[in-house]
Amino acid sequence: MSGDSEEKIIKFLQSEDPALRKMGLSLTTGVGLPASCNVDLFAISFFDPEPSNRVTASGIISKSFPEIFGELKKGWDNYPPNTRNESKKFDPYQMDYDFQVENFMQDFHKLSAESGLDVCEVSLRGYNLLKGGVEQISDSHKDLVGGFVKFLGTEKYQPAKQMMIDIYKQFGDNGPGREVILIIHNFEGEDIVELLVEGLLNKKYFISNSIDDTAKQLVKIGSENIAAKLAEALSDRGGSRILYGGVPLTRDVLWCLGKLGHCCALEPLVNFCSLNLIKLGLDGWESLSASAYALAELSHCDEDLSSELLFEMVDHRSEWVVESAVYALGMIGSERSIPKIEDIIAGKRGKGHSRTFGW
């Protein structure tokens, strides 16, 4: 086959139009199949939304890789997955749960190890087929896409980065977007940092009693630029954007800055807490407790600055804030904090507090 003919076939196979893909499949019939077509043929045979294309592609590529197809079908027959059409017939496109898609791709990956086939690229091509040239993935394809996210994230397949960004922008914390959050630290680049920082600052909380996964992923990435962006949000217009997000967002940003441990965050954090959370009495004990631990974790930057704010917290009206501040002072381990801690032990908490809290 000439280079021009091969290029033409690949162009058809990668088309967003199912009719053109069908034409590309017809061009492969009766000719020596170039290896460059294998990825596209596997992607079409497994994940093309057009059923007739899947059947045709399977008939072509199974002749070149009979052992791989045989083992995948055997595994399917032994443990039939849930399918959207409730059929037990081998048809990966119909798989109904993202973990089943992930397991299928992992098995495919292992079986293809010696063939030189790039199964990660098959997944990426499969995603493009499901997307079909439109801006958003349809609801019927969410679990297939979620499986691709899990598989490609585990493999740290860098060419899939834009796919991850697009999925997160569409779904946010829901469906496959949540799977993106859990693996996105495996991908590199400032666009990933920007995506996660904005995702955290714009988050709408439904469960507020635990640190959000986006904040955890930012900590895993760990770059100073993340700390700088979050610190800027603390300083910009008095931190109004963070305060507007409520207690969970405030808590998560402060927690994140402490865990990141970059010194650029200490002064903005101190100013934010001092002006908003203490003097104005905003956002209650949970945010201040988070700030106490963050101050301890940032005390290596300026122990005195961290300790001074913690000393203020020791006199706070909330027993939870006092407890967090004392614990944070213990983490720092400065002799300066001993008199304050002795006052707590003696019940002299200041501002009218007594022993009734059980200190």
Protein backbone atom coordinates (compact mmCIF):
# COMPACT_ATOMS: atom_id res chain seq x y z
CA MET A 1 0.00 0.00 0.00
CA SER A 2 1.34 3.43 -0.93
CA GLY A 3 1.92 6.10 1.67
CA ASP A 4 -0.82 8.26 0.18
CA SER A 5 -3.34 5.42 0.35
CA GLU A 6 -2.42 4.65 3.94
CA GLU A 7 -2.79 8.30 4.92
CA LYS A 8 -6.16 8.45 3.20
CA ILE A 9 -7.45 5.40 5.07
CA ILE A 10 -6.29 6.76 8.43
CA LYS A 11 -7.96 10.09 7.69
CA PHE A 12 -11.25 8.30 7.04
CA LEU A 13 -10.93 6.06 10.11
CA GLN A 14 -10.35 9.08 12.34
CA SER A 15 -13.21 11.09 10.88
CA GLU A 16 -15.93 12.45 13.16
CA ASP A 17 -18.49 11.34 10.58
CA PRO A 18 -19.53 7.67 11.02
CA ALA A 19 -20.25 7.40 7.29
CA LEU A 20 -16.68 8.40 6.45
CA ARG A 21 -15.36 5.91 8.99
CA LYS A 22 -17.46 3.27 7.23
CA MET A 23 -15.81 4.28 3.96
CA GLY A 24 -12.38 3.97 5.55
CA LEU A 25 -13.26 0.48 6.77
CA SER A 26 -14.31 -0.53 3.27
CA LEU A 27 -10.96 0.66 1.93
CA THR A 28 -9.10 -1.71 4.26
CA THR A 29 -10.92 -4.77 2.92
CA GLY A 30 -8.81 -6.93 0.66
CA VAL A 31 -5.59 -4.94 1.10
CA GLY A 32 -2.52 -5.47 3.20
CA LEU A 33 -3.46 -3.78 6.46
CA PRO A 34 -0.78 -1.29 7.59
CA ALA A 35 0.16 -1.38 11.28
CA SER A 36 -0.62 2.33 11.52
CA CYS A 37 -4.33 1.49 11.24
CA ASN A 38 -4.41 -0.94 14.17
CA VAL A 39 -5.14 1.61 16.90
CA ASP A 40 -8.02 3.14 14.95
CA LEU A 41 -9.48 -0.24 14.05
CA PHE A 42 -9.43 -1.42 17.66
CA ALA A 43 -11.01 1.86 18.80
CA ILE A 44 -13.77 1.58 16.20
CA SER A 45 -14.39 -2.12 16.87
CA PHE A 46 -14.82 -1.48 20.59
CA PHE A 47 -16.23 2.04 20.92
CA ASP A 48 -17.70 3.41 17.70
CA PRO A 49 -21.29 4.51 18.47
CA GLU A 50 -22.31 3.19 15.03
CA PRO A 51 -23.02 -0.58 15.47
CA SER A 52 -22.26 -1.55 11.88
CA ASN A 53 -18.84 0.10 12.10
CA ARG A 54 -18.06 -1.90 15.24
CA VAL A 55 -19.00 -5.15 13.53
CA THR A 56 -16.96 -4.39 10.39
CA ALA A 57 -13.89 -3.22 12.31
CA SER A 58 -14.01 -6.25 14.60
CA GLY A 59 -14.08 -8.57 11.62
CA ILE A 60 -11.00 -6.88 10.16
CA ILE A 61 -8.80 -6.41 13.22
CA SER A 62 -9.61 -9.78 14.83
CA LYS A 63 -7.87 -11.49 11.91
CA SER A 64 -4.65 -9.63 12.71
CA PHE A 65 -4.89 -10.14 16.49
CA PRO A 66 -6.82 -13.40 16.99
CA GLU A 67 -5.21 -14.22 20.34
CA ILE A 68 -6.00 -10.83 21.86
CA PHE A 69 -9.59 -10.96 20.66
CA GLY A 70 -9.95 -14.54 21.80
CA GLU A 71 -8.73 -13.82 25.33
CA LEU A 72 -10.86 -10.69 25.68
CA LYS A 73 -13.96 -12.59 24.57
CA LYS A 74 -13.11 -15.45 26.91
CA GLY A 75 -12.83 -13.07 29.84
CA TRP A 76 -16.11 -11.44 28.83
CA ASP A 77 -17.91 -14.80 28.66
CA ASN A 78 -16.53 -15.92 32.03
CA TYR A 79 -17.52 -12.68 33.80
CA PRO A 80 -20.11 -10.87 31.68
CA PRO A 81 -20.24 -7.18 32.61
CA ASN A 82 -23.40 -5.18 33.04
CA THR A 83 -24.40 -3.72 29.70
CA ARG A 84 -26.70 -0.90 28.69
CA ASN A 85 -28.54 -3.11 26.21
CA GLU A 86 -28.71 -5.99 28.74
CA SER A 87 -26.98 -8.33 26.29
CA LYS A 88 -24.18 -10.73 27.18
CA LYS A 89 -22.76 -10.56 23.67
CA PHE A 90 -19.17 -9.28 23.46
CA ASP A 91 -19.55 -5.56 22.80
CA PRO A 92 -17.36 -3.25 24.93
CA TYR A 93 -19.30 -0.20 23.74
CA GLN A 94 -22.29 -1.37 25.79
CA MET A 95 -20.47 -1.63 29.14
CA ASP A 96 -22.47 0.12 31.83
CA TYR A 97 -19.98 0.94 34.62
CA ASP A 98 -16.73 2.86 34.53
CA PHE A 99 -14.85 0.32 36.65
CA GLN A 100 -15.76 -2.40 34.14
CA VAL A 101 -14.40 -0.27 31.31
CA GLU A 102 -11.23 0.32 33.31
CA ASN A 103 -10.81 -3.41 33.99
CA PHE A 104 -11.42 -4.23 30.34
CA MET A 105 -8.78 -1.74 29.20
CA GLN A 106 -6.31 -3.05 31.78
CA ASP A 107 -6.82 -6.61 30.51
CA PHE A 108 -6.47 -5.39 26.93
CA HIS A 109 -3.27 -3.57 27.91
CA LYS A 110 -1.74 -6.69 29.45
CA LEU A 111 -2.68 -8.90 26.52
CA SER A 112 -1.19 -6.40 24.06
CA ALA A 113 2.11 -5.90 25.88
CA GLU A 114 4.16 -7.92 23.39
CA SER A 115 2.35 -6.73 20.27
CA GLY A 116 3.55 -3.14 20.40
CA LEU A 117 -0.05 -1.92 20.30
CA ASP A 118 -0.62 1.37 22.17
CA VAL A 119 -3.75 0.60 24.17
CA CYS A 120 -3.64 4.04 25.80
CA GLU A 121 -3.96 5.56 22.35
CA VAL A 122 -6.88 3.21 21.65
CA SER A 123 -8.60 4.68 24.73
CA LEU A 124 -7.93 8.21 23.58
CA ARG A 125 -9.26 7.44 20.09
CA GLY A 126 -12.26 5.79 21.73
CA TYR A 127 -12.94 9.00 23.63
CA ASN A 128 -12.81 10.99 20.38
CA LEU A 129 -15.28 8.57 18.79
CA LEU A 130 -17.70 8.97 21.68
CA LYS A 131 -17.34 12.74 21.59
CA GLY A 132 -18.13 12.73 17.89
CA GLY A 133 -16.98 16.25 17.12
CA VAL A 134 -19.38 17.95 19.55
CA GLU A 135 -18.40 19.99 22.57
CA GLN A 136 -19.84 17.70 25.22
CA ILE A 137 -20.03 14.00 25.98
CA SER A 138 -23.57 12.65 26.05
CA ASP A 139 -24.98 11.21 29.27
CA SER A 140 -25.14 7.74 27.72
CA HIS A 141 -21.34 7.73 27.35
CA LYS A 142 -20.38 9.03 30.80
CA ASP A 143 -19.40 5.66 32.23
CA LEU A 144 -17.34 4.71 29.19
CA VAL A 145 -15.48 8.00 29.47
CA GLY A 146 -15.07 7.53 33.22
CA GLY A 147 -13.41 4.19 32.55
CA PHE A 148 -11.03 5.82 30.07
CA VAL A 149 -10.16 8.45 32.68
CA LYS A 150 -9.35 5.82 35.30
CA PHE A 151 -7.26 3.74 32.93
CA LEU A 152 -5.33 6.60 31.34
CA GLY A 153 -4.81 8.28 34.70
CA THR A 154 -3.36 5.12 36.19
CA GLU A 155 -1.06 4.81 33.19
CA LYS A 156 -0.09 8.51 33.50
CA TYR A 157 -0.60 8.86 29.77
CA GLN A 158 0.40 12.48 29.16
CA PRO A 159 -1.20 12.84 25.68
CA ALA A 160 -4.56 12.45 27.45
CA LYS A 161 -4.10 15.68 29.42
CA GLN A 162 -6.35 17.80 27.21
CA MET A 163 -9.00 15.10 27.37
CA MET A 164 -8.87 15.29 31.17
CA ILE A 165 -9.18 19.07 31.12
CA ASP A 166 -12.15 18.95 28.74
CA ILE A 167 -13.94 16.34 30.84
CA TYR A 168 -13.44 18.29 34.06
CA LYS A 169 -14.68 21.49 32.44
CA GLN A 170 -17.85 19.72 31.33
CA PHE A 171 -18.65 17.64 34.40
CA GLY A 172 -16.93 19.42 37.29
CA ASP A 173 -17.12 17.22 40.39
CA ASN A 174 -19.74 14.91 38.90
CA GLY A 175 -19.49 11.66 36.95
CA PRO A 176 -16.23 11.31 35.02
CA GLY A 177 -15.20 14.76 36.23
CA ARG A 178 -14.79 13.36 39.72
CA GLU A 179 -12.56 10.61 38.33
CA VAL A 180 -10.42 13.30 36.71
CA ILE A 181 -9.93 15.01 40.08
CA LEU A 182 -8.66 11.78 41.62
CA ILE A 183 -5.94 11.19 39.00
CA ILE A 184 -5.13 14.67 37.67
CA HIS A 185 -1.98 15.00 39.80
CA ASN A 186 -0.41 12.48 37.41
CA PHE A 187 -0.42 15.12 34.67
CA GLU A 188 1.94 18.06 34.37
CA GLY A 189 1.58 21.69 33.38
CA GLU A 190 0.37 25.07 34.55
CA ASP A 191 -2.93 24.50 32.76
CA ILE A 192 -3.60 21.66 35.21
CA VAL A 193 -2.72 23.90 38.16
CA GLU A 194 -4.98 26.66 36.85
CA LEU A 195 -7.81 24.20 36.30
CA LEU A 196 -7.65 22.81 39.84
CA VAL A 197 -7.17 26.15 41.59
CA GLU A 198 -10.16 27.63 39.78
CA GLY A 199 -12.09 24.44 40.42
CA LEU A 200 -11.47 24.77 44.15
CA LEU A 201 -12.23 28.49 44.35
CA ASN A 202 -15.49 28.04 42.39
CA LYS A 203 -16.58 24.90 44.21
CA LYS A 204 -20.17 24.45 45.30
CA TYR A 205 -20.08 22.27 48.39
CA PHE A 206 -22.69 19.60 49.04
CA ILE A 207 -20.72 17.67 51.66
CA SER A 208 -18.87 20.04 53.91
CA ASN A 209 -17.46 17.92 56.73
CA SER A 210 -14.29 16.73 55.00
CA ILE A 211 -11.47 18.21 52.95
CA ASP A 212 -12.39 18.32 49.27
CA ASP A 213 -10.57 16.06 46.81
CA THR A 214 -9.56 19.03 44.66
CA ALA A 215 -7.60 20.50 47.58
CA LYS A 216 -5.97 17.12 48.17
CA GLN A 217 -4.86 16.92 44.54
CA LEU A 218 -3.37 20.41 44.72
CA VAL A 219 -1.32 19.29 47.71
CA LYS A 220 -0.15 16.22 45.80
CA ILE A 221 1.09 18.45 42.97
CA GLY A 222 2.71 20.65 45.60
CA SER A 223 4.06 23.50 43.48
CA GLU A 224 4.80 26.94 44.91
CA ASN A 225 2.69 28.45 42.15
CA ILE A 226 -0.38 26.80 43.69
CA ALA A 227 0.38 28.40 47.04
CA ALA A 228 0.92 31.76 45.34
CA LYS A 229 -2.44 31.59 43.55
CA LEU A 230 -4.33 30.63 46.70
CA ALA A 231 -2.49 33.26 48.73
CA GLU A 232 -3.46 35.84 46.14
CA ALA A 233 -7.09 34.84 46.58
CA LEU A 234 -6.71 35.41 50.34
CA SER A 235 -5.39 38.92 49.71
CA ASP A 236 -7.55 40.03 46.80
CA ARG A 237 -10.34 42.35 47.98
CA GLY A 238 -9.90 41.18 51.53
CA GLY A 239 -10.37 37.55 50.57
CA SER A 240 -13.99 38.19 49.63
CA ARG A 241 -14.05 35.43 47.02
CA ILE A 242 -13.05 32.85 49.60
CA LEU A 243 -15.37 34.22 52.27
CA TYR A 244 -18.24 34.19 49.78
CA GLY A 245 -17.58 30.48 49.24
CA GLY A 246 -18.42 29.83 52.87
CA VAL A 247 -16.82 27.89 55.70
CA PRO A 248 -15.92 24.72 53.73
CA LEU A 249 -14.04 26.65 51.04
CA THR A 250 -12.26 28.83 53.60
CA ARG A 251 -11.26 25.75 55.57
CA ASP A 252 -10.01 23.89 52.50
CA VAL A 253 -7.93 26.80 51.18
CA LEU A 254 -6.28 27.31 54.58
CA TRP A 255 -5.67 23.58 54.97
CA CYS A 256 -4.19 23.42 51.50
CA LEU A 257 -1.79 26.30 52.14
CA GLY A 258 -0.56 24.67 55.33
CA LYS A 259 0.03 21.30 53.68
CA LEU A 260 1.78 22.91 50.71
CA GLY A 261 4.18 24.57 53.15
CA HIS A 262 5.40 27.39 50.90
CA CYS A 263 6.41 30.57 52.71
CA CYS A 264 4.71 32.91 50.24
CA ALA A 265 1.42 31.95 51.91
CA LEU A 266 2.21 32.80 55.53
CA GLU A 267 1.73 36.57 55.61
CA PRO A 268 -1.46 36.56 53.47
CA LEU A 269 -2.84 33.76 55.65
CA VAL A 270 -2.08 35.67 58.86
CA ASN A 271 -3.64 38.87 57.51
CA PHE A 272 -6.73 37.06 56.25
CA CYS A 273 -7.33 35.26 59.53
CA SER A 274 -6.54 38.25 61.71
CA LEU A 275 -8.73 40.71 59.82
CA ASN A 276 -11.62 38.47 58.82
CA LEU A 277 -11.86 35.48 61.11
CA ILE A 278 -10.78 37.01 64.42
CA LYS A 279 -11.51 40.75 64.41
CA LEU A 280 -14.74 40.48 62.43
CA GLY A 281 -15.67 37.13 63.93
CA LEU A 282 -16.49 35.62 60.54
CA ASP A 283 -16.79 31.99 59.55
CA GLY A 284 -16.71 30.38 62.96
CA TRP A 285 -14.47 27.84 64.56
CA GLU A 286 -13.86 25.42 61.69
CA SER A 287 -11.96 27.92 59.54
CA LEU A 288 -9.90 29.11 62.49
CA SER A 289 -9.07 25.56 63.48
CA ALA A 290 -7.82 24.91 59.96
CA SER A 291 -5.79 28.10 60.08
CA ALA A 292 -4.20 27.04 63.38
CA TYR A 293 -2.77 23.89 61.85
CA ALA A 294 -1.72 25.81 58.74
CA LEU A 295 0.15 28.30 60.91
CA ALA A 296 2.00 25.47 62.63
CA GLU A 297 2.94 23.93 59.29
CA LEU A 298 4.17 27.29 58.00
CA SER A 299 6.00 28.24 61.19
CA HIS A 300 9.32 27.23 59.64
CA CYS A 301 8.98 30.42 57.56
CA ASP A 302 8.50 32.77 60.53
CA GLU A 303 7.90 31.20 63.92
CA ASP A 304 7.13 34.48 65.66
CA LEU A 305 4.51 35.52 63.11
CA SER A 306 2.77 32.16 63.34
CA SER A 307 2.90 32.08 67.13
CA GLU A 308 1.49 35.58 67.63
CA LEU A 309 -1.73 34.73 65.83
CA LEU A 310 -1.98 31.42 67.66
CA PHE A 311 -1.67 33.30 70.96
CA GLU A 312 -4.74 35.31 69.91
CA MET A 313 -6.61 32.12 69.13
CA VAL A 314 -5.88 30.74 72.59
CA ASP A 315 -8.20 33.46 73.93
CA HIS A 316 -10.96 32.72 71.43
CA ARG A 317 -14.51 32.10 72.65
CA SER A 318 -14.72 28.71 70.92
CA GLU A 319 -13.26 25.76 72.79
CA TRP A 320 -12.55 24.09 69.43
CA VAL A 321 -10.43 27.01 68.29
CA VAL A 322 -8.58 27.04 71.61
CA GLU A 323 -7.92 23.32 71.37
CA SER A 324 -6.61 23.68 67.81
CA ALA A 325 -4.40 26.63 68.77
CA VAL A 326 -2.89 24.77 71.72
CA TYR A 327 -2.24 21.73 69.56
CA ALA A 328 -0.63 23.93 66.90
CA LEU A 329 1.60 25.58 69.50
CA GLY A 330 2.64 22.11 70.57
CA MET A 331 3.52 21.31 66.97
CA ILE A 332 5.75 24.39 66.85
CA GLY A 333 7.32 23.53 70.20
CA SER A 334 8.46 27.03 71.13
CA GLU A 335 9.23 27.86 74.75
CA ARG A 336 7.35 31.14 74.26
CA SER A 337 4.09 29.24 74.25
CA ILE A 338 4.59 27.61 77.65
CA PRO A 339 2.99 30.43 79.72
CA LYS A 340 -0.06 30.45 77.45
CA ILE A 341 -0.46 26.70 77.71
CA GLU A 342 0.00 26.86 81.49
CA ASP A 343 -2.83 29.39 81.65
CA ILE A 344 -5.05 26.99 79.73
CA ILE A 345 -4.20 24.18 82.12
CA ALA A 346 -4.97 26.44 85.07
CA GLY A 347 -8.31 27.40 83.57
CA LYS A 348 -7.31 31.03 82.98
CA ARG A 349 -8.43 31.23 79.40
CA GLY A 350 -9.09 34.97 79.45
CA LYS A 351 -12.15 36.87 78.26
CA GLY A 352 -14.36 35.30 80.90
CA HIS A 353 -13.73 31.63 80.13
CA SER A 354 -13.64 29.19 83.02
CA ARG A 355 -12.95 25.54 83.66
CA THR A 356 -16.41 24.56 82.43
CA PHE A 357 -15.03 23.48 79.07
CA GLY A 358 -13.02 20.76 80.78
CA TRP A 359 -9.51 22.05 80.17
